[in-house]
Amino acid sequence: MTRKHANPRNTTCAPAGRPEGDRAEGSPSGESPDVDPSTGCTFGEVVPTRSTATSKVEAQVRDFLRDAGYEVPRNRAGVLCHHTDPKWSFLTLTPDVLLADLRLAVEVDPCDPSPSHRGSSHVGEEAKDRIRNDLLAAVGWTVIRLRLGAVEGSHIGDRDVVVESSAFTKAAQRALTHAIDDFKHGRPATIRVVKKGESPKPAQRRSHIVNIKLDPYSDDTYWFTWYPDLEQPENYSFRLAAAGRYLYRQGFLDQVDLDLVPPDDWKARLTSYLDGRSPADLRGTTKWPWGDLLLVPTDPSDPVAAAIVGASDHEKQTIDVIGFWFTVSGDQIGAFSDDSLDRSDGSSLATMHPAAVEAGYRFAAVTLNQGYRGPYQRVVVTRAPRG
């Protein structure tokens, strides 16, 4: 499995990605079981390695996982483990892929025993593979083995992916990412078997709430997907406006105040809120949490007031943006305050809805401009905190 080196005490600790050499064995034992005194390294630590040889399929797996967003070192690295021989204190094992942030190793095991198969095969090496798994487990690492060209029942560990095809197929790729994500999120161990010509069954959905993410076309609105039944594909999209304060589906549904709690708590709170509710009853109707209009005319029969309120009701003026502006013809607005637009004589034309004021909205500016059809005024509305 490994070979002894002439000067094992030369092994040094260094971050993954800066390999200085792979040492398979270490110094005489009898020291602390947690730290190797000859290297100063903690057992389980990622260390440099001399074992840089790699196969085409191993490189393919590493590139796939890196492209999928996992933190895979550009260069191979090892893990400092205890030695099976008590005469030696340590050895460095070099898994095919290290996901150091998860303390997870992925071993790529070609298992095709046929004469036409080129390269080494792990058939008959099961005992050695189990020892490697055990050595890594003893220092806090978990191993997922990608068994290519294997048959059902040939797994080594309880999270392995057994692939009948010898190639790293798309079905094998999906199965491997499912296995890694199950480990990452603490889900029960599952052995996945990918039949030839078949796609693996998707991992069982574990959460009613998935994909909470910021809407790139808004200032502080999030979207998420709700699955009422984990066994069914039926799902519904919801919006969380104003940094999570208001819940929307088509229109305003409820004030849920997620802006007051850490984002890590959102999934649990939304799951509890939606538990037992019927999708048919979860359809909002109004544009704003308080109704359809942001402004209230002081005198509904006043055409100037009606024009101002109408101008503020454009489809682009929504709760999904922190600030916006609208224009009205003429120069009827002579003064303004945080919550009121007034004539020059001080009489009110329109006011901000009281609930909008409570939500932080205010008039920020009114400017007079000249257009080719005459004067017009630009009214700026915002709910941004005062700077």
Protein backbone atom coordinates (compact mmCIF):
# COMPACT_ATOMS: atom_id res chain seq x y z
CA MET A 1 0.00 0.00 0.00
CA THR A 2 2.80 2.44 0.91
CA ARG A 3 6.57 2.37 1.08
CA LYS A 4 9.04 3.50 3.72
CA HIS A 5 11.17 6.55 3.09
CA ALA A 6 14.78 6.86 4.09
CA ASN A 7 14.29 10.02 6.13
CA PRO A 8 10.68 10.10 7.34
CA ARG A 9 11.26 13.08 9.65
CA ASN A 10 11.49 15.39 6.61
CA THR A 11 7.71 15.46 6.32
CA THR A 12 6.43 18.99 6.90
CA CYS A 13 3.00 20.53 7.33
CA ALA A 14 1.85 22.95 4.64
CA PRO A 15 -1.48 24.07 3.22
CA ALA A 16 -3.08 21.93 0.56
CA GLY A 17 -2.12 23.15 -2.88
CA ARG A 18 1.55 23.63 -1.96
CA PRO A 19 2.83 20.03 -1.99
CA GLU A 20 6.43 19.52 -1.04
CA GLY A 21 6.40 15.75 -1.08
CA ASP A 22 4.36 12.78 -0.02
CA ARG A 23 5.68 10.78 2.91
CA ALA A 24 4.12 7.37 3.32
CA GLU A 25 5.64 6.57 6.71
CA GLY A 26 6.95 8.49 9.69
CA SER A 27 9.09 8.48 12.76
CA PRO A 28 9.20 5.91 15.55
CA SER A 29 6.06 5.98 17.63
CA GLY A 30 5.46 6.47 21.33
CA GLU A 31 4.52 10.16 21.28
CA SER A 32 1.19 12.02 21.52
CA PRO A 33 -1.64 10.34 19.58
CA ASP A 34 -2.99 13.74 18.40
CA VAL A 35 0.13 15.53 17.21
CA ASP A 36 3.15 13.97 15.55
CA PRO A 37 6.19 15.54 17.25
CA SER A 38 8.49 14.92 14.29
CA THR A 39 6.37 17.12 12.00
CA GLY A 40 4.32 19.25 14.38
CA CYS A 41 1.27 18.19 12.40
CA THR A 42 -2.06 17.21 13.86
CA PHE A 43 -3.39 13.85 12.74
CA GLY A 44 -6.10 14.41 10.16
CA GLU A 45 -4.40 17.57 8.90
CA VAL A 46 -3.98 18.18 5.17
CA VAL A 47 -0.26 17.93 4.35
CA PRO A 48 1.95 18.05 1.24
CA THR A 49 2.43 14.88 -0.77
CA ARG A 50 4.85 13.51 -3.32
CA SER A 51 2.16 11.28 -4.80
CA THR A 52 1.26 13.44 -7.79
CA ALA A 53 0.47 10.65 -10.28
CA THR A 54 -3.11 10.69 -11.46
CA SER A 55 -5.24 8.90 -14.00
CA LYS A 56 -7.41 10.45 -16.67
CA VAL A 57 -10.63 9.54 -14.90
CA GLU A 58 -9.36 10.89 -11.55
CA ALA A 59 -8.56 14.21 -13.23
CA GLN A 60 -12.01 14.15 -14.84
CA VAL A 61 -13.68 13.68 -11.44
CA ARG A 62 -11.62 16.48 -9.86
CA ASP A 63 -12.42 18.87 -12.72
CA PHE A 64 -16.12 18.00 -12.55
CA LEU A 65 -16.34 18.62 -8.79
CA ARG A 66 -14.40 21.88 -9.09
CA ASP A 67 -16.72 23.07 -11.86
CA ALA A 68 -19.71 22.04 -9.73
CA GLY A 69 -18.59 24.51 -7.05
CA TYR A 70 -16.80 22.25 -4.57
CA GLU A 71 -13.49 23.40 -3.07
CA VAL A 72 -11.03 21.03 -4.72
CA PRO A 73 -7.28 21.85 -4.47
CA ARG A 74 -5.53 22.33 -7.80
CA ASN A 75 -2.72 20.07 -6.62
CA ARG A 76 -3.02 16.74 -4.87
CA ALA A 77 -2.55 16.71 -1.12
CA GLY A 78 -2.41 14.12 1.62
CA VAL A 79 -3.89 13.48 5.05
CA LEU A 80 -1.69 12.67 8.04
CA CYS A 81 -2.86 9.33 9.48
CA HIS A 82 -1.72 6.89 12.15
CA HIS A 83 0.39 4.01 10.90
CA THR A 84 -0.82 0.43 11.00
CA ASP A 85 2.65 -0.63 12.18
CA PRO A 86 3.16 0.54 15.79
CA LYS A 87 6.88 0.93 15.07
CA TRP A 88 6.04 4.02 13.01
CA SER A 89 4.11 7.05 14.19
CA PHE A 90 2.42 8.23 11.00
CA LEU A 91 1.88 7.85 7.30
CA THR A 92 0.47 10.17 4.68
CA LEU A 93 -2.45 8.89 2.63
CA THR A 94 -3.21 10.68 -0.63
CA PRO A 95 -6.87 10.27 -1.65
CA ASP A 96 -7.78 10.96 -5.26
CA VAL A 97 -9.88 14.02 -4.33
CA LEU A 98 -9.88 16.00 -1.08
CA LEU A 99 -12.76 18.24 -0.04
CA ALA A 100 -10.91 19.69 2.91
CA ASP A 101 -13.69 22.04 4.01
CA LEU A 102 -15.94 18.99 4.51
CA ARG A 103 -13.17 16.61 5.69
CA LEU A 104 -14.37 14.34 2.90
CA ALA A 105 -12.25 12.21 0.55
CA VAL A 106 -13.43 10.85 -2.80
CA GLU A 107 -11.59 7.76 -4.03
CA VAL A 108 -11.97 6.78 -7.68
CA ASP A 109 -11.89 2.98 -7.98
CA PRO A 110 -11.83 1.45 -11.49
CA CYS A 111 -13.17 -2.07 -10.96
CA ASP A 112 -13.36 -3.49 -14.48
CA PRO A 113 -11.53 -6.87 -14.31
CA SER A 114 -11.83 -7.65 -18.02
CA PRO A 115 -8.67 -8.08 -20.15
CA SER A 116 -9.80 -5.22 -22.40
CA HIS A 117 -9.68 -2.80 -19.48
CA ARG A 118 -6.55 -0.69 -19.48
CA GLY A 119 -5.08 0.39 -16.19
CA SER A 120 -5.23 -0.93 -12.65
CA SER A 121 -8.33 -2.47 -11.16
CA HIS A 122 -9.51 -2.41 -7.55
CA VAL A 123 -10.96 -5.89 -7.88
CA GLY A 124 -9.21 -8.00 -5.25
CA GLU A 125 -8.00 -4.86 -3.42
CA GLU A 126 -11.04 -4.57 -1.18
CA ALA A 127 -9.14 -5.35 2.04
CA LYS A 128 -6.57 -2.62 1.36
CA ASP A 129 -9.32 -0.15 0.47
CA ARG A 130 -11.12 -0.88 3.74
CA ILE A 131 -7.89 -0.27 5.68
CA ARG A 132 -7.48 3.11 3.97
CA ASN A 133 -11.08 3.97 4.82
CA ASP A 134 -10.48 3.01 8.46
CA LEU A 135 -7.23 4.99 8.72
CA LEU A 136 -8.87 8.11 7.37
CA ALA A 137 -11.94 7.61 9.57
CA ALA A 138 -9.69 7.35 12.63
CA VAL A 139 -8.47 10.92 12.06
CA GLY A 140 -11.90 12.39 11.31
CA TRP A 141 -12.27 11.92 7.56
CA THR A 142 -15.09 10.24 5.63
CA VAL A 143 -14.52 8.42 2.34
CA ILE A 144 -16.90 8.14 -0.61
CA ARG A 145 -15.71 5.63 -3.18
CA LEU A 146 -16.75 6.04 -6.80
CA ARG A 147 -16.64 2.40 -7.94
CA LEU A 148 -16.55 2.42 -11.76
CA GLY A 149 -17.21 -0.74 -13.75
CA ALA A 150 -18.46 -2.39 -10.57
CA VAL A 151 -21.45 -4.52 -9.67
CA GLU A 152 -24.08 -4.03 -7.02
CA GLY A 153 -22.85 -5.21 -3.65
CA SER A 154 -19.20 -4.35 -4.33
CA HIS A 155 -19.21 -1.21 -2.21
CA ILE A 156 -16.59 -0.63 0.48
CA GLY A 157 -18.21 2.14 2.54
CA ASP A 158 -21.81 3.01 3.31
CA ARG A 159 -21.84 6.13 1.11
CA ASP A 160 -20.23 4.65 -2.00
CA VAL A 161 -21.44 5.18 -5.55
CA VAL A 162 -21.36 1.91 -7.51
CA VAL A 163 -21.45 2.49 -11.27
CA GLU A 164 -21.86 -0.40 -13.69
CA SER A 165 -20.32 1.61 -16.53
CA SER A 166 -16.54 2.04 -16.55
CA ALA A 167 -16.94 5.68 -17.60
CA PHE A 168 -17.73 8.69 -15.42
CA THR A 169 -21.13 9.18 -17.03
CA LYS A 170 -23.60 12.00 -16.38
CA ALA A 171 -25.65 9.58 -14.31
CA ALA A 172 -22.54 8.82 -12.24
CA GLN A 173 -21.86 12.55 -11.88
CA ARG A 174 -25.35 13.18 -10.52
CA ALA A 175 -25.10 10.26 -8.14
CA LEU A 176 -21.73 11.44 -6.81
CA THR A 177 -22.98 14.99 -6.16
CA HIS A 178 -26.04 13.58 -4.39
CA ALA A 179 -23.78 11.45 -2.20
CA ILE A 180 -21.56 14.44 -1.33
CA ASP A 181 -24.55 16.69 -0.60
CA ASP A 182 -26.12 14.02 1.63
CA PHE A 183 -22.92 13.91 3.67
CA LYS A 184 -22.61 17.71 3.73
CA HIS A 185 -26.13 18.13 5.12
CA GLY A 186 -25.90 15.24 7.61
CA ARG A 187 -28.36 12.96 5.86
CA PRO A 188 -28.35 9.19 6.44
CA ALA A 189 -25.76 7.20 4.52
CA THR A 190 -26.99 5.65 1.26
CA ILE A 191 -25.24 3.36 -1.21
CA ARG A 192 -26.08 4.48 -4.74
CA VAL A 193 -26.07 2.04 -7.65
CA VAL A 194 -26.05 3.43 -11.19
CA LYS A 195 -27.13 0.84 -13.73
CA LYS A 196 -25.80 0.89 -17.26
CA GLY A 197 -27.92 3.13 -19.44
CA GLU A 198 -29.99 4.35 -16.52
CA SER A 199 -30.07 7.60 -14.62
CA PRO A 200 -29.91 7.32 -10.85
CA LYS A 201 -33.01 7.95 -8.85
CA PRO A 202 -32.95 11.49 -7.52
CA ALA A 203 -32.19 11.91 -3.87
CA GLN A 204 -35.31 12.05 -1.76
CA ARG A 205 -36.31 15.63 -1.13
CA ARG A 206 -35.48 16.54 2.46
CA SER A 207 -36.99 19.97 2.84
CA HIS A 208 -40.27 21.67 1.98
CA ILE A 209 -38.41 24.96 1.44
CA VAL A 210 -35.60 25.09 -1.14
CA ASN A 211 -33.62 27.59 -3.19
CA ILE A 212 -33.96 30.74 -1.11
CA LYS A 213 -32.06 33.26 -3.23
CA LEU A 214 -31.86 36.97 -3.90
CA ASP A 215 -33.70 38.25 -6.96
CA PRO A 216 -30.94 39.84 -9.11
CA TYR A 217 -33.42 42.34 -10.55
CA SER A 218 -34.52 43.71 -7.21
CA ASP A 219 -32.88 45.53 -4.31
CA ASP A 220 -33.78 43.26 -1.42
CA THR A 221 -36.37 40.72 -2.57
CA TYR A 222 -35.81 36.97 -2.31
CA TRP A 223 -37.48 34.01 -4.01
CA PHE A 224 -37.96 30.51 -2.68
CA THR A 225 -39.72 27.32 -3.71
CA TRP A 226 -42.22 25.45 -1.54
CA TYR A 227 -42.99 21.73 -1.90
CA PRO A 228 -46.19 21.01 0.10
CA ASP A 229 -45.63 17.25 -0.30
CA LEU A 230 -42.07 15.91 -0.26
CA GLU A 231 -43.14 12.91 -2.33
CA GLN A 232 -44.71 14.96 -5.12
CA PRO A 233 -43.12 17.25 -7.73
CA GLU A 234 -45.77 19.96 -7.30
CA ASN A 235 -44.17 23.19 -6.10
CA TYR A 236 -44.92 26.91 -5.75
CA SER A 237 -42.79 30.05 -5.94
CA PHE A 238 -42.97 32.80 -3.33
CA ARG A 239 -41.35 36.22 -2.89
CA LEU A 240 -39.91 37.67 0.30
CA ALA A 241 -39.92 41.45 -0.14
CA ALA A 242 -38.16 44.15 1.88
CA ALA A 243 -35.35 41.83 3.03
CA GLY A 244 -37.82 39.18 4.17
CA ARG A 245 -40.41 41.34 5.89
CA TYR A 246 -43.33 40.64 3.53
CA LEU A 247 -44.44 37.37 1.94
CA TYR A 248 -45.86 37.47 -1.59
CA ARG A 249 -47.41 34.99 -3.98
CA GLN A 250 -48.88 36.81 -6.96
CA GLY A 251 -49.80 39.55 -4.49
CA PHE A 252 -49.18 40.36 -0.83
CA LEU A 253 -49.86 37.46 1.57
CA ASP A 254 -48.60 38.30 5.03
CA GLN A 255 -46.03 40.17 7.10
CA VAL A 256 -43.59 37.49 8.27
CA ASP A 257 -40.79 39.73 9.64
CA LEU A 258 -37.90 37.53 8.50
CA ASP A 259 -35.84 40.73 8.24
CA LEU A 260 -35.60 40.58 12.05
CA VAL A 261 -33.98 37.12 12.21
CA PRO A 262 -30.74 35.67 10.72
CA PRO A 263 -31.08 34.26 7.18
CA ASP A 264 -30.05 30.83 8.49
CA ASP A 265 -33.38 30.71 10.36
CA TRP A 266 -35.54 31.56 7.35
CA LYS A 267 -36.01 28.00 6.10
CA ALA A 268 -37.22 26.70 9.47
CA ARG A 269 -39.58 29.64 10.00
CA LEU A 270 -41.06 29.39 6.52
CA THR A 271 -41.50 25.64 6.89
CA SER A 272 -43.39 26.18 10.15
CA TYR A 273 -45.47 29.02 8.67
CA LEU A 274 -46.56 27.01 5.60
CA ASP A 275 -47.07 23.71 7.41
CA GLY A 276 -50.63 22.48 6.96
CA ARG A 277 -51.63 25.31 4.63
CA SER A 278 -53.35 24.74 1.32
CA PRO A 279 -51.81 26.21 -1.86
CA ALA A 280 -55.31 27.27 -2.91
CA ASP A 281 -55.50 29.60 0.09
CA LEU A 282 -52.09 31.14 -0.50
CA ARG A 283 -52.72 33.71 -3.21
CA GLY A 284 -52.17 37.36 -2.48
CA THR A 285 -54.26 40.05 -4.13
CA THR A 286 -52.85 43.51 -3.40
CA LYS A 287 -49.76 45.23 -4.80
CA TRP A 288 -48.64 46.66 -1.47
CA PRO A 289 -48.98 45.11 2.00
CA TRP A 290 -51.62 47.76 2.79
CA GLY A 291 -53.52 47.78 -0.52
CA ASP A 292 -53.11 48.71 -4.17
CA LEU A 293 -51.92 52.32 -3.84
CA LEU A 294 -48.87 53.88 -2.24
CA LEU A 295 -50.40 57.38 -2.08
CA VAL A 296 -53.75 58.63 -0.85
CA PRO A 297 -55.38 61.69 -2.52
CA THR A 298 -56.43 64.33 -0.02
CA ASP A 299 -59.45 65.13 -2.19
CA PRO A 300 -60.36 62.25 -4.54
CA SER A 301 -62.33 64.67 -6.74
CA ASP A 302 -59.29 66.90 -7.29
CA PRO A 303 -57.89 66.12 -10.79
CA VAL A 304 -54.35 67.20 -9.80
CA ALA A 305 -54.36 64.88 -6.78
CA ALA A 306 -55.79 62.06 -8.91
CA ALA A 307 -53.04 62.57 -11.50
CA ILE A 308 -50.32 62.38 -8.83
CA VAL A 309 -51.74 59.18 -7.34
CA GLY A 310 -52.14 57.65 -10.80
CA ALA A 311 -48.54 58.49 -11.77
CA SER A 312 -47.29 56.71 -8.64
CA ASP A 313 -49.06 53.49 -9.68
CA HIS A 314 -46.72 52.39 -12.48
CA GLU A 315 -45.78 48.68 -12.75
CA LYS A 316 -42.12 49.53 -12.11
CA GLN A 317 -42.92 51.18 -8.80
CA THR A 318 -43.04 48.16 -6.52
CA ILE A 319 -41.90 47.05 -3.11
CA ASP A 320 -39.06 45.13 -4.78
CA VAL A 321 -37.02 48.33 -5.15
CA ILE A 322 -35.90 50.54 -2.30
CA GLY A 323 -36.34 53.78 -4.23
CA PHE A 324 -38.04 54.96 -7.41
CA TRP A 325 -39.40 58.12 -9.03
CA PHE A 326 -42.41 59.20 -11.06
CA THR A 327 -43.31 62.33 -12.97
CA VAL A 328 -46.43 64.53 -13.09
CA SER A 329 -47.19 67.25 -15.60
CA GLY A 330 -47.18 70.88 -14.53
CA ASP A 331 -45.80 72.53 -11.42
CA GLN A 332 -48.63 72.09 -8.95
CA ILE A 333 -46.48 70.65 -6.14
CA GLY A 334 -45.12 73.63 -4.27
CA ALA A 335 -43.77 71.91 -1.16
CA PHE A 336 -43.32 68.45 0.33
CA SER A 337 -42.53 66.71 3.59
CA ASP A 338 -41.67 63.09 4.39
CA ASP A 339 -45.31 62.01 4.04
CA SER A 340 -47.09 64.79 2.12
CA LEU A 341 -47.11 66.56 -1.25
CA ASP A 342 -48.56 70.09 -0.94
CA ARG A 343 -49.47 73.11 -3.01
CA SER A 344 -47.58 76.36 -2.58
CA ASP A 345 -50.31 77.63 -0.25
CA GLY A 346 -49.72 74.66 2.09
CA SER A 347 -52.86 72.73 1.21
CA SER A 348 -52.29 68.99 0.81
CA LEU A 349 -52.57 67.24 -2.55
CA ALA A 350 -51.67 63.67 -1.56
CA THR A 351 -50.13 61.83 1.37
CA MET A 352 -48.16 58.64 1.79
CA HIS A 353 -50.32 55.78 3.01
CA PRO A 354 -49.84 55.54 6.82
CA ALA A 355 -48.78 51.88 6.54
CA ALA A 356 -46.24 52.87 3.90
CA VAL A 357 -44.82 55.47 6.27
CA GLU A 358 -44.60 52.79 8.96
CA ALA A 359 -42.72 50.58 6.45
CA GLY A 360 -40.16 53.36 5.99
CA TYR A 361 -41.35 55.07 2.81
CA ARG A 362 -40.95 58.84 2.47
CA PHE A 363 -40.77 61.54 -0.18
CA ALA A 364 -37.08 62.29 -0.73
CA ALA A 365 -37.15 65.01 -3.41
CA VAL A 366 -39.37 66.96 -5.81
CA THR A 367 -37.66 68.67 -8.75
CA LEU A 368 -39.05 70.91 -11.47
CA ASN A 369 -37.95 70.11 -15.02
CA GLN A 370 -38.71 71.46 -18.48
CA GLY A 371 -39.86 69.08 -21.22
CA TYR A 372 -40.82 69.67 -24.82
CA ARG A 373 -44.48 69.70 -23.74
CA GLY A 374 -43.88 72.08 -20.89
CA PRO A 375 -42.90 71.82 -17.23
CA TYR A 376 -43.12 68.59 -15.24
CA GLN A 377 -42.14 67.52 -11.78
CA ARG A 378 -40.11 64.50 -10.74
CA VAL A 379 -41.07 62.97 -7.38
CA VAL A 380 -38.54 60.66 -5.65
CA VAL A 381 -39.82 58.03 -3.19
CA THR A 382 -37.57 55.87 -1.01
CA ARG A 383 -37.54 53.59 2.00
CA ALA A 384 -33.77 53.72 2.40
CA PRO A 385 -32.58 54.75 5.85
CA ARG A 386 -31.39 58.32 6.10
CA GLY A 387 -27.69 58.43 5.40
